[in-house]
Amino acid sequence: MQIGNFLEIVTFISAILTILLILLQQRGASLGAGFGSSGELYTTRRGLEKSLFIATIVFAIVFVLSILGLLLIPA
């Protein structure tokens, strides 16, 4: 398997997983929060929510690095 094909597969998988992890996060702001009338208090992330947050960051970084790798490898 060539490195280009491998990076394409990594890019595709990391993109799908990043989208899914973003959609799974439950820290959604209500419509009123956009206008400054949020009734929620800021709390720290714990447990599964923290794990989802960290995994989202990791897969987003993998996605960006794989895109850069594809750009730098000659076709």
N, C-alpha and C. Protein backbone atom coordinates (compact mmCIF):
# COMPACT_ATOMS: atom_id res chain seq x y z
N MET A 1 0.85 -1.17 0.00
CA MET A 1 0.00 0.00 0.00
C MET A 1 0.89 1.24 0.00
N GLN A 2 0.59 2.17 -0.85
CA GLN A 2 1.36 3.39 -0.94
C GLN A 2 0.98 4.34 0.19
N ILE A 3 1.90 5.23 0.53
CA ILE A 3 1.66 6.17 1.62
C ILE A 3 0.51 7.13 1.29
N GLY A 4 0.35 7.47 0.02
CA GLY A 4 -0.75 8.35 -0.38
C GLY A 4 -2.11 7.72 -0.14
N ASN A 5 -2.23 6.43 -0.48
CA ASN A 5 -3.50 5.73 -0.24
C ASN A 5 -3.78 5.62 1.25
N PHE A 6 -2.73 5.36 2.02
CA PHE A 6 -2.90 5.26 3.48
C PHE A 6 -3.38 6.58 4.06
N LEU A 7 -2.78 7.69 3.62
CA LEU A 7 -3.18 9.00 4.13
C LEU A 7 -4.61 9.37 3.70
N GLU A 8 -5.01 8.94 2.52
CA GLU A 8 -6.40 9.19 2.10
C GLU A 8 -7.38 8.46 2.99
N ILE A 9 -7.05 7.22 3.35
CA ILE A 9 -7.93 6.44 4.23
C ILE A 9 -7.97 7.06 5.62
N VAL A 10 -6.80 7.48 6.13
CA VAL A 10 -6.74 8.12 7.45
C VAL A 10 -7.53 9.42 7.44
N THR A 11 -7.43 10.19 6.36
CA THR A 11 -8.17 11.44 6.25
C THR A 11 -9.67 11.20 6.27
N PHE A 12 -10.12 10.23 5.51
CA PHE A 12 -11.55 9.92 5.45
C PHE A 12 -12.08 9.46 6.80
N ILE A 13 -11.38 8.53 7.44
CA ILE A 13 -11.84 7.99 8.72
C ILE A 13 -11.81 9.07 9.80
N SER A 14 -10.75 9.87 9.84
CA SER A 14 -10.68 10.92 10.86
C SER A 14 -11.74 12.00 10.64
N ALA A 15 -12.08 12.28 9.40
CA ALA A 15 -13.14 13.26 9.13
C ALA A 15 -14.49 12.75 9.63
N ILE A 16 -14.80 11.50 9.33
CA ILE A 16 -16.08 10.92 9.77
C ILE A 16 -16.15 10.87 11.29
N LEU A 17 -15.06 10.43 11.93
CA LEU A 17 -15.06 10.34 13.40
C LEU A 17 -15.13 11.72 14.05
N THR A 18 -14.49 12.71 13.47
CA THR A 18 -14.57 14.06 14.02
C THR A 18 -16.00 14.59 13.94
N ILE A 19 -16.65 14.38 12.83
CA ILE A 19 -18.05 14.81 12.69
C ILE A 19 -18.94 14.11 13.71
N LEU A 20 -18.78 12.81 13.86
CA LEU A 20 -19.60 12.06 14.82
C LEU A 20 -19.35 12.51 16.25
N LEU A 21 -18.09 12.74 16.59
CA LEU A 21 -17.78 13.17 17.95
C LEU A 21 -18.32 14.56 18.24
N ILE A 22 -18.29 15.43 17.27
CA ILE A 22 -18.86 16.77 17.46
C ILE A 22 -20.37 16.67 17.68
N LEU A 23 -21.02 15.80 16.91
CA LEU A 23 -22.47 15.65 17.06
C LEU A 23 -22.86 14.97 18.37
N LEU A 24 -21.98 14.17 18.94
CA LEU A 24 -22.27 13.48 20.19
C LEU A 24 -22.13 14.38 21.42
N GLN A 25 -21.41 15.47 21.28
CA GLN A 25 -21.22 16.34 22.43
C GLN A 25 -22.53 17.02 22.79
N GLN A 26 -22.81 17.09 24.08
CA GLN A 26 -24.10 17.59 24.54
C GLN A 26 -24.07 19.02 25.04
N ARG A 27 -22.95 19.68 24.94
CA ARG A 27 -22.89 21.04 25.42
C ARG A 27 -23.44 21.97 24.35
N GLY A 28 -24.73 21.91 24.11
CA GLY A 28 -25.35 22.75 23.11
C GLY A 28 -25.90 24.01 23.74
N ALA A 29 -25.72 25.11 23.08
CA ALA A 29 -26.26 26.37 23.58
C ALA A 29 -27.65 26.56 23.01
N SER A 30 -28.53 27.04 23.85
CA SER A 30 -29.90 27.29 23.39
C SER A 30 -29.92 28.56 22.55
N LEU A 31 -31.04 28.83 21.93
CA LEU A 31 -31.16 30.01 21.07
C LEU A 31 -30.95 31.29 21.86
N GLY A 32 -31.41 31.31 23.10
CA GLY A 32 -31.25 32.50 23.93
C GLY A 32 -29.81 32.77 24.31
N ALA A 33 -28.97 31.76 24.29
CA ALA A 33 -27.57 31.95 24.66
C ALA A 33 -26.85 32.83 23.65
N GLY A 34 -27.30 32.81 22.41
CA GLY A 34 -26.68 33.64 21.39
C GLY A 34 -26.92 35.12 21.63
N PHE A 35 -27.97 35.44 22.38
CA PHE A 35 -28.29 36.83 22.66
C PHE A 35 -27.92 37.23 24.08
N GLY A 36 -27.16 36.38 24.76
CA GLY A 36 -26.66 36.73 26.09
C GLY A 36 -27.58 36.37 27.23
N SER A 37 -28.64 35.65 26.99
CA SER A 37 -29.57 35.32 28.08
C SER A 37 -29.52 33.83 28.42
N SER A 38 -28.33 33.33 28.58
CA SER A 38 -28.18 31.92 28.90
C SER A 38 -28.36 31.71 30.39
N GLY A 39 -29.12 30.72 30.78
CA GLY A 39 -29.32 30.41 32.18
C GLY A 39 -28.38 29.33 32.68
N GLU A 40 -27.45 28.92 31.86
CA GLU A 40 -26.55 27.84 32.23
C GLU A 40 -25.31 28.39 32.92
N LEU A 41 -24.79 27.62 33.87
CA LEU A 41 -23.53 27.95 34.50
C LEU A 41 -22.43 27.14 33.85
N TYR A 42 -21.23 27.71 33.79
CA TYR A 42 -20.12 26.96 33.21
C TYR A 42 -19.60 25.97 34.24
N THR A 43 -19.52 24.73 33.84
CA THR A 43 -18.95 23.71 34.71
C THR A 43 -17.85 23.00 33.95
N THR A 44 -16.96 22.36 34.68
CA THR A 44 -15.87 21.65 34.03
C THR A 44 -16.39 20.34 33.45
N ARG A 45 -15.72 19.89 32.43
CA ARG A 45 -16.10 18.62 31.80
C ARG A 45 -15.59 17.47 32.66
N ARG A 46 -16.41 16.44 32.78
CA ARG A 46 -16.01 15.28 33.57
C ARG A 46 -16.48 14.02 32.88
N GLY A 47 -15.76 12.95 33.13
CA GLY A 47 -16.16 11.64 32.65
C GLY A 47 -16.21 11.52 31.14
N LEU A 48 -17.32 11.00 30.66
CA LEU A 48 -17.49 10.74 29.23
C LEU A 48 -17.43 12.02 28.41
N GLU A 49 -17.98 13.09 28.96
CA GLU A 49 -17.98 14.36 28.23
C GLU A 49 -16.54 14.85 27.99
N LYS A 50 -15.68 14.70 28.97
CA LYS A 50 -14.28 15.09 28.82
C LYS A 50 -13.57 14.19 27.82
N SER A 51 -13.87 12.90 27.86
CA SER A 51 -13.26 11.96 26.92
C SER A 51 -13.68 12.27 25.49
N LEU A 52 -14.95 12.59 25.27
CA LEU A 52 -15.42 12.97 23.94
C LEU A 52 -14.74 14.24 23.45
N PHE A 53 -14.56 15.19 24.35
CA PHE A 53 -13.91 16.45 24.01
C PHE A 53 -12.46 16.23 23.59
N ILE A 54 -11.73 15.43 24.36
CA ILE A 54 -10.33 15.16 24.04
C ILE A 54 -10.22 14.35 22.75
N ALA A 55 -11.10 13.36 22.57
CA ALA A 55 -11.07 12.56 21.35
C ALA A 55 -11.37 13.42 20.13
N THR A 56 -12.27 14.39 20.26
CA THR A 56 -12.58 15.29 19.16
C THR A 56 -11.35 16.09 18.76
N ILE A 57 -10.62 16.59 19.75
CA ILE A 57 -9.41 17.35 19.47
C ILE A 57 -8.37 16.48 18.79
N VAL A 58 -8.19 15.25 19.29
CA VAL A 58 -7.19 14.34 18.72
C VAL A 58 -7.52 14.01 17.27
N PHE A 59 -8.77 13.67 16.98
CA PHE A 59 -9.13 13.32 15.60
C PHE A 59 -9.09 14.53 14.68
N ALA A 60 -9.38 15.72 15.19
CA ALA A 60 -9.26 16.92 14.37
C ALA A 60 -7.80 17.18 14.01
N ILE A 61 -6.89 16.97 14.97
CA ILE A 61 -5.47 17.14 14.70
C ILE A 61 -4.99 16.10 13.69
N VAL A 62 -5.43 14.84 13.86
CA VAL A 62 -5.06 13.79 12.90
C VAL A 62 -5.57 14.15 11.50
N PHE A 63 -6.78 14.67 11.42
CA PHE A 63 -7.34 15.07 10.13
C PHE A 63 -6.49 16.15 9.46
N VAL A 64 -6.13 17.19 10.22
CA VAL A 64 -5.34 18.29 9.66
C VAL A 64 -3.96 17.80 9.23
N LEU A 65 -3.33 16.97 10.07
CA LEU A 65 -2.00 16.46 9.73
C LEU A 65 -2.03 15.54 8.50
N SER A 66 -3.10 14.76 8.35
CA SER A 66 -3.19 13.89 7.18
C SER A 66 -3.42 14.71 5.91
N ILE A 67 -4.17 15.79 6.01
CA ILE A 67 -4.35 16.69 4.87
C ILE A 67 -3.02 17.32 4.48
N LEU A 68 -2.27 17.78 5.48
CA LEU A 68 -0.96 18.37 5.19
C LEU A 68 -0.02 17.32 4.58
N GLY A 69 -0.10 16.10 5.06
CA GLY A 69 0.72 15.03 4.49
C GLY A 69 0.38 14.78 3.03
N LEU A 70 -0.91 14.79 2.72
CA LEU A 70 -1.32 14.61 1.33
C LEU A 70 -0.86 15.73 0.44
N LEU A 71 -0.81 16.95 0.99
CA LEU A 71 -0.36 18.10 0.20
C LEU A 71 1.15 18.04 -0.06
N LEU A 72 1.90 17.50 0.89
CA LEU A 72 3.36 17.50 0.76
C LEU A 72 3.91 16.34 -0.04
N ILE A 73 3.13 15.25 -0.16
CA ILE A 73 3.59 14.09 -0.90
C ILE A 73 3.36 14.33 -2.38
N PRO A 74 4.39 14.17 -3.19
CA PRO A 74 4.19 14.37 -4.64
C PRO A 74 3.30 13.29 -5.23
N ALA A 75 2.44 13.68 -6.13
CA ALA A 75 1.48 12.76 -6.74
C ALA A 75 2.11 11.85 -7.76
